[in-house]
C-alpha atoms as a PDB file:
ATOM      1  CA  MET A   1       6.877 -34.055 -25.293  1.00  0.00           C
ATOM      2  CA  ASN A   2       5.763 -33.728 -28.888  1.00  0.00           C
ATOM      3  CA  LEU A   3       6.627 -30.368 -30.443  1.00  0.00           C
ATOM      4  CA  ARG A   4       3.481 -30.322 -32.628  1.00  0.00           C
ATOM      5  CA  PHE A   5       1.319 -30.740 -29.533  1.00  0.00           C
ATOM      6  CA  ILE A   6       3.115 -27.923 -27.705  1.00  0.00           C
ATOM      7  CA  ILE A   7       2.655 -25.601 -30.672  1.00  0.00           C
ATOM      8  CA  LYS A   8      -1.035 -26.529 -30.900  1.00  0.00           C
ATOM      9  CA  ALA A   9      -1.558 -26.052 -27.150  1.00  0.00           C
ATOM     10  CA  ILE A  10       0.171 -22.665 -27.239  1.00  0.00           C
ATOM     11  CA  GLY A  11      -1.915 -21.726 -30.267  1.00  0.00           C
ATOM     12  CA  LEU A  12      -5.049 -22.443 -28.267  1.00  0.00           C
ATOM     13  CA  LEU A  13      -4.206 -19.528 -26.034  1.00  0.00           C
ATOM     14  CA  SER A  14      -5.003 -17.242 -28.959  1.00  0.00           C
ATOM     15  CA  PHE A  15      -8.615 -18.445 -28.772  1.00  0.00           C
ATOM     16  CA  VAL A  16      -8.896 -17.100 -25.263  1.00  0.00           C
ATOM     17  CA  THR A  17      -9.944 -13.483 -24.968  1.00  0.00           C
ATOM     18  CA  THR A  18     -10.231 -13.093 -21.207  1.00  0.00           C
ATOM     19  CA  SER A  19      -7.354 -11.771 -19.157  1.00  0.00           C
ATOM     20  CA  TYR A  20      -5.576 -14.414 -17.138  1.00  0.00           C
ATOM     21  CA  ALA A  21      -3.957 -14.478 -13.793  1.00  0.00           C
ATOM     22  CA  LYS A  22      -0.745 -16.457 -13.630  1.00  0.00           C
ATOM     23  CA  TRP A  23      -0.204 -19.786 -11.905  1.00  0.00           C
ATOM     24  CA  ASP A  24      -0.159 -17.923  -8.595  1.00  0.00           C
ATOM     25  CA  SER A  25      -3.937 -18.237  -8.410  1.00  0.00           C
ATOM     26  CA  LYS A  26      -5.463 -20.063  -5.484  1.00  0.00           C
ATOM     27  CA  ALA A  27      -7.791 -22.024  -7.768  1.00  0.00           C
ATOM     28  CA  CYS A  28      -4.838 -23.536  -9.663  1.00  0.00           C
ATOM     29  CA  ASP A  29      -2.985 -24.329  -6.437  1.00  0.00           C
ATOM     30  CA  ASP A  30      -6.110 -25.979  -5.057  1.00  0.00           C
ATOM     31  CA  LEU A  31      -6.462 -28.116  -8.183  1.00  0.00           C
ATOM     32  CA  ALA A  32      -2.784 -29.146  -8.093  1.00  0.00           C
ATOM     33  CA  ASN A  33      -3.125 -30.046  -4.411  1.00  0.00           C
ATOM     34  CA  THR A  34      -6.238 -32.086  -5.185  1.00  0.00           C
ATOM     35  CA  PHE A  35      -4.252 -33.981  -7.824  1.00  0.00           C
ATOM     36  CA  ALA A  36      -1.454 -34.560  -5.313  1.00  0.00           C
ATOM     37  CA  SER A  37      -3.912 -35.761  -2.659  1.00  0.00           C
ATOM     38  CA  HIS A  38      -4.524 -38.988  -4.596  1.00  0.00           C
ATOM     39  CA  PRO A  39      -2.186 -41.798  -3.427  1.00  0.00           C
ATOM     40  CA  ASP A  40      -0.856 -42.145  -6.980  1.00  0.00           C
ATOM     41  CA  GLY A  41      -1.147 -38.459  -7.839  1.00  0.00           C
ATOM     42  CA  ASP A  42       1.501 -35.838  -8.338  1.00  0.00           C
ATOM     43  CA  TYR A  43       1.286 -32.056  -7.963  1.00  0.00           C
ATOM     44  CA  ASN A  44       3.452 -31.758 -11.100  1.00  0.00           C
ATOM     45  CA  ASP A  45       0.993 -33.662 -13.324  1.00  0.00           C
ATOM     46  CA  LEU A  46      -0.859 -30.347 -13.667  1.00  0.00           C
ATOM     47  CA  SER A  47       1.479 -28.749 -16.207  1.00  0.00           C
ATOM     48  CA  GLN A  48      -0.427 -25.523 -16.853  1.00  0.00           C
ATOM     49  CA  CYS A  49      -3.416 -23.855 -15.302  1.00  0.00           C
ATOM     50  CA  ARG A  50      -5.097 -20.540 -15.992  1.00  0.00           C
ATOM     51  CA  VAL A  51      -8.040 -18.779 -14.433  1.00  0.00           C
ATOM     52  CA  ASN A  52     -10.549 -16.327 -15.869  1.00  0.00           C
ATOM     53  CA  GLU A  53     -11.473 -12.916 -14.493  1.00  0.00           C
ATOM     54  CA  ASN A  54     -13.786 -14.639 -11.970  1.00  0.00           C
ATOM     55  CA  GLY A  55     -10.863 -16.571 -10.501  1.00  0.00           C
ATOM     56  CA  GLU A  56     -12.223 -19.852 -11.868  1.00  0.00           C
ATOM     57  CA  VAL A  57     -10.018 -22.370 -13.671  1.00  0.00           C
ATOM     58  CA  ASP A  58     -10.810 -22.347 -17.386  1.00  0.00           C
ATOM     59  CA  TYR A  59      -7.641 -23.768 -19.005  1.00  0.00           C
ATOM     60  CA  ILE A  60      -5.579 -26.768 -17.905  1.00  0.00           C
ATOM     61  CA  ILE A  61      -2.915 -29.035 -19.295  1.00  0.00           C
ATOM     62  CA  VAL A  62      -2.299 -32.346 -17.566  1.00  0.00           C
ATOM     63  CA  GLY A  63       0.702 -34.329 -18.678  1.00  0.00           C
ATOM     64  CA  TYR A  64       2.833 -37.384 -18.166  1.00  0.00           C
ATOM     65  CA  CYS A  65       0.563 -39.484 -15.987  1.00  0.00           C
ATOM     66  CA  ASN A  66       0.823 -43.210 -16.659  1.00  0.00           C
ATOM     67  CA  ASN A  67      -1.103 -44.366 -13.614  1.00  0.00           C
ATOM     68  CA  GLU A  68      -4.718 -45.231 -14.461  1.00  0.00           C
ATOM     69  CA  ARG A  69      -6.100 -44.579 -10.965  1.00  0.00           C
ATOM     70  CA  ALA A  70      -4.491 -41.148 -10.772  1.00  0.00           C
ATOM     71  CA  ALA A  71      -5.626 -40.284 -14.309  1.00  0.00           C
ATOM     72  CA  GLN A  72      -9.219 -41.238 -13.461  1.00  0.00           C
ATOM     73  CA  HIS A  73      -9.001 -39.112 -10.322  1.00  0.00           C
ATOM     74  CA  TYR A  74      -7.829 -36.173 -12.449  1.00  0.00           C
ATOM     75  CA  ILE A  75     -10.741 -36.572 -14.890  1.00  0.00           C
ATOM     76  CA  ASN A  76     -13.192 -36.746 -11.995  1.00  0.00           C
ATOM     77  CA  GLU A  77     -11.733 -33.593 -10.440  1.00  0.00           C
ATOM     78  CA  VAL A  78     -11.536 -31.656 -13.706  1.00  0.00           C
ATOM     79  CA  SER A  79     -15.195 -32.450 -14.400  1.00  0.00           C
ATOM     80  CA  LYS A  80     -16.084 -30.387 -11.319  1.00  0.00           C
ATOM     81  CA  LEU A  81     -14.644 -27.194 -12.823  1.00  0.00           C
ATOM     82  CA  SER A  82     -17.741 -25.224 -13.763  1.00  0.00           C
ATOM     83  CA  GLU A  83     -16.034 -22.723 -16.103  1.00  0.00           C
ATOM     84  CA  VAL A  84     -13.304 -24.799 -17.762  1.00  0.00           C
ATOM     85  CA  LYS A  85     -13.077 -24.158 -21.511  1.00  0.00           C
ATOM     86  CA  THR A  86      -9.886 -26.029 -22.440  1.00  0.00           C
ATOM     87  CA  ILE A  87      -8.576 -29.381 -21.244  1.00  0.00           C
ATOM     88  CA  CYS A  88      -5.380 -30.843 -22.683  1.00  0.00           C
ATOM     89  CA  LEU A  89      -4.348 -34.331 -21.634  1.00  0.00           C
ATOM     90  CA  TYR A  90      -1.040 -35.347 -23.169  1.00  0.00           C
ATOM     91  CA  ASP A  91       0.731 -38.576 -22.434  1.00  0.00           C
ATOM     92  CA  VAL A  92      -1.904 -39.399 -19.840  1.00  0.00           C
ATOM     93  CA  VAL A  93      -2.869 -43.059 -19.780  1.00  0.00           C
ATOM     94  CA  SER A  94      -6.118 -43.028 -21.733  1.00  0.00           C
ATOM     95  CA  GLU A  95      -7.422 -46.502 -22.600  1.00  0.00           C
ATOM     96  CA  GLY A  96      -9.743 -47.850 -19.912  1.00  0.00           C
ATOM     97  CA  LEU A  97     -10.611 -44.494 -18.371  1.00  0.00           C
ATOM     98  CA  ASP A  98     -14.194 -43.436 -17.787  1.00  0.00           C
ATOM     99  CA  TYR A  99     -14.641 -40.103 -19.547  1.00  0.00           C
ATOM    100  CA  ALA A 100     -18.356 -39.865 -18.636  1.00  0.00           C
ATOM    101  CA  PRO A 101     -17.728 -37.280 -15.868  1.00  0.00           C
ATOM    102  CA  LEU A 102     -16.616 -34.828 -18.576  1.00  0.00           C
ATOM    103  CA  LYS A 103     -20.201 -34.753 -19.883  1.00  0.00           C
ATOM    104  CA  LYS A 104     -20.948 -32.465 -16.914  1.00  0.00           C
ATOM    105  CA  LEU A 105     -19.008 -29.833 -18.864  1.00  0.00           C
ATOM    106  CA  SER A 106     -21.301 -29.964 -21.895  1.00  0.00           C
ATOM    107  CA  ASN A 107     -22.192 -26.268 -21.531  1.00  0.00           C
ATOM    108  CA  THR A 108     -18.673 -24.871 -21.079  1.00  0.00           C
ATOM    109  CA  LEU A 109     -15.945 -27.117 -22.487  1.00  0.00           C
ATOM    110  CA  GLU A 110     -14.891 -25.841 -25.919  1.00  0.00           C
ATOM    111  CA  ARG A 111     -11.521 -27.515 -26.488  1.00  0.00           C
ATOM    112  CA  LEU A 112     -10.542 -31.079 -25.573  1.00  0.00           C
ATOM    113  CA  LEU A 113      -7.175 -32.491 -26.578  1.00  0.00           C
ATOM    114  CA  ILE A 114      -6.216 -36.060 -25.765  1.00  0.00           C
ATOM    115  CA  ASP A 115      -2.983 -36.743 -27.561  1.00  0.00           C
ATOM    116  CA  TYR A 116      -0.957 -39.779 -26.655  1.00  0.00           C
ATOM    117  CA  TYR A 117       2.551 -40.507 -27.818  1.00  0.00           C
ATOM    118  CA  LYS A 118       3.703 -43.213 -25.404  1.00  0.00           C
ATOM    119  CA  GLY A 119       2.175 -46.204 -23.643  1.00  0.00           C
ATOM    120  CA  GLU A 120      -1.447 -47.304 -24.006  1.00  0.00           C
ATOM    121  CA  PRO A 121      -3.447 -45.015 -26.338  1.00  0.00           C
ATOM    122  CA  LEU A 122      -7.184 -45.000 -26.953  1.00  0.00           C
ATOM    123  CA  LYS A 123      -8.445 -47.861 -29.117  1.00  0.00           C
ATOM    124  CA  THR A 124     -12.038 -46.711 -29.401  1.00  0.00           C
ATOM    125  CA  PHE A 125     -13.660 -43.319 -29.658  1.00  0.00           C
ATOM    126  CA  PRO A 126     -15.000 -42.505 -26.155  1.00  0.00           C
ATOM    127  CA  GLU A 127     -18.807 -42.286 -26.298  1.00  0.00           C
ATOM    128  CA  ALA A 128     -18.726 -39.686 -23.511  1.00  0.00           C
ATOM    129  CA  PHE A 129     -17.154 -37.154 -25.896  1.00  0.00           C
ATOM    130  CA  LEU A 130     -20.342 -37.234 -27.967  1.00  0.00           C
ATOM    131  CA  GLY A 131     -22.228 -35.726 -25.017  1.00  0.00           C
ATOM    132  CA  ILE A 132     -19.996 -32.646 -24.771  1.00  0.00           C
ATOM    133  CA  THR A 133     -22.024 -30.595 -27.218  1.00  0.00           C
ATOM    134  CA  SER A 134     -20.189 -27.329 -26.519  1.00  0.00           C
ATOM    135  CA  LEU A 135     -16.953 -28.668 -28.080  1.00  0.00           C
ATOM    136  CA  LYS A 136     -15.487 -26.527 -30.830  1.00  0.00           C
ATOM    137  CA  LEU A 137     -12.184 -28.388 -31.034  1.00  0.00           C
ATOM    138  CA  LEU A 138     -11.578 -32.087 -30.444  1.00  0.00           C
ATOM    139  CA  SER A 139      -8.106 -33.525 -30.882  1.00  0.00           C
ATOM    140  CA  ILE A 140      -7.575 -37.229 -30.362  1.00  0.00           C
ATOM    141  CA  GLU A 141      -4.317 -37.537 -32.258  1.00  0.00           C
ATOM    142  CA  SER A 142      -1.736 -40.286 -31.934  1.00  0.00           C
ATOM    143  CA  ASN A 143      -4.168 -42.875 -30.654  1.00  0.00           C
ATOM    144  CA  ASN A 144      -5.227 -46.249 -32.077  1.00  0.00           C
ATOM    145  CA  ILE A 145      -8.808 -45.282 -32.941  1.00  0.00           C
ATOM    146  CA  THR A 146      -9.877 -46.823 -36.249  1.00  0.00           C
ATOM    147  CA  SER A 147     -13.384 -45.413 -36.619  1.00  0.00           C
ATOM    148  CA  ILE A 148     -15.508 -42.457 -35.642  1.00  0.00           C
ATOM    149  CA  PRO A 149     -19.049 -43.169 -34.427  1.00  0.00           C
ATOM    150  CA  ASP A 150     -22.043 -42.020 -36.449  1.00  0.00           C
ATOM    151  CA  ASP A 151     -23.183 -39.936 -33.464  1.00  0.00           C
ATOM    152  CA  ILE A 152     -20.325 -37.495 -34.099  1.00  0.00           C
ATOM    153  CA  LYS A 153     -23.150 -35.494 -35.674  1.00  0.00           C
ATOM    154  CA  ASN A 154     -24.244 -34.601 -32.101  1.00  0.00           C
ATOM    155  CA  LEU A 155     -21.273 -32.241 -31.772  1.00  0.00           C
ATOM    156  CA  LYS A 156     -23.096 -29.382 -33.525  1.00  0.00           C
ATOM    157  CA  ASN A 157     -20.558 -26.733 -32.451  1.00  0.00           C
ATOM    158  CA  LEU A 158     -17.488 -28.669 -33.605  1.00  0.00           C
ATOM    159  CA  GLU A 159     -15.220 -26.561 -35.828  1.00  0.00           C
ATOM    160  CA  ASN A 160     -11.965 -28.551 -35.692  1.00  0.00           C
ATOM    161  CA  LEU A 161     -11.503 -32.320 -35.483  1.00  0.00           C
ATOM    162  CA  TYR A 162      -7.929 -33.586 -35.334  1.00  0.00           C
ATOM    163  CA  LEU A 163      -7.408 -37.327 -35.761  1.00  0.00           C
ATOM    164  CA  GLU A 164      -3.881 -37.292 -37.168  1.00  0.00           C
ATOM    165  CA  TYR A 165      -1.508 -40.175 -36.474  1.00  0.00           C
ATOM    166  CA  SER A 166      -4.413 -42.489 -35.681  1.00  0.00           C
ATOM    167  CA  PRO A 167      -5.238 -45.407 -38.016  1.00  0.00           C
ATOM    168  CA  ILE A 168      -8.703 -44.101 -38.932  1.00  0.00           C
ATOM    169  CA  THR A 169     -10.275 -46.310 -41.583  1.00  0.00           C
ATOM    170  CA  LYS A 170     -13.893 -45.208 -41.237  1.00  0.00           C
ATOM    171  CA  ILE A 171     -15.348 -41.712 -41.041  1.00  0.00           C
ATOM    172  CA  PRO A 172     -19.159 -41.741 -41.106  1.00  0.00           C
ATOM    173  CA  LYS A 173     -21.217 -39.794 -43.631  1.00  0.00           C
ATOM    174  CA  SER A 174     -22.940 -38.091 -40.700  1.00  0.00           C
ATOM    175  CA  ILE A 175     -19.836 -35.941 -40.282  1.00  0.00           C
ATOM    176  CA  GLY A 176     -21.274 -33.943 -43.185  1.00  0.00           C
ATOM    177  CA  LYS A 177     -24.018 -32.748 -40.806  1.00  0.00           C
ATOM    178  CA  LEU A 178     -21.487 -30.770 -38.805  1.00  0.00           C
ATOM    179  CA  SER A 179     -22.233 -27.418 -40.415  1.00  0.00           C
ATOM    180  CA  LYS A 180     -19.585 -25.534 -38.392  1.00  0.00           C
ATOM    181  CA  LEU A 181     -16.751 -27.975 -39.122  1.00  0.00           C
ATOM    182  CA  LYS A 182     -13.858 -26.068 -40.731  1.00  0.00           C
ATOM    183  CA  LYS A 183     -10.963 -28.504 -40.257  1.00  0.00           C
ATOM    184  CA  LEU A 184     -10.863 -32.282 -40.349  1.00  0.00           C
ATOM    185  CA  LEU A 185      -7.373 -33.720 -40.163  1.00  0.00           C
ATOM    186  CA  SER A 186      -6.950 -37.464 -40.213  1.00  0.00           C
END
């Protein structure tokens, strides 16, 4: 696991102001069991899970899944979480997945991290991310993305965009329309 990613993921906890129950929550157990219910799934692929004061999952880290069918199942299941604010996918097979289900979270999801250090990384910027207008932080580090689409301007709430360790050669001028953007690392 990449130390920079761990530090960043831990740092994200400082953004969260609600009190959390520990992993002993039923909602986290249910999610882990749902992951494990897939033929290629694994209970342990859900590395961290937190719930808010309503008992709803609002923070998850999924890691070390190199099976595309299981990873797609995880994305489909995570997209059903009505109060999730942070999703971290690290070393989860990413190229070829359909991220469109995550658009269902366009009113709640604030932080999305898809950092890949082994295997098959993203080659193109997923169009589905452009529909998650509530995003404040988007990290797609250590992928093979070479350009950012012009429609990045749709992410009006974006404050932090991390593209480090990706061979970005084109950043559109429209990124200047992101009035809340504080950090752009590429």
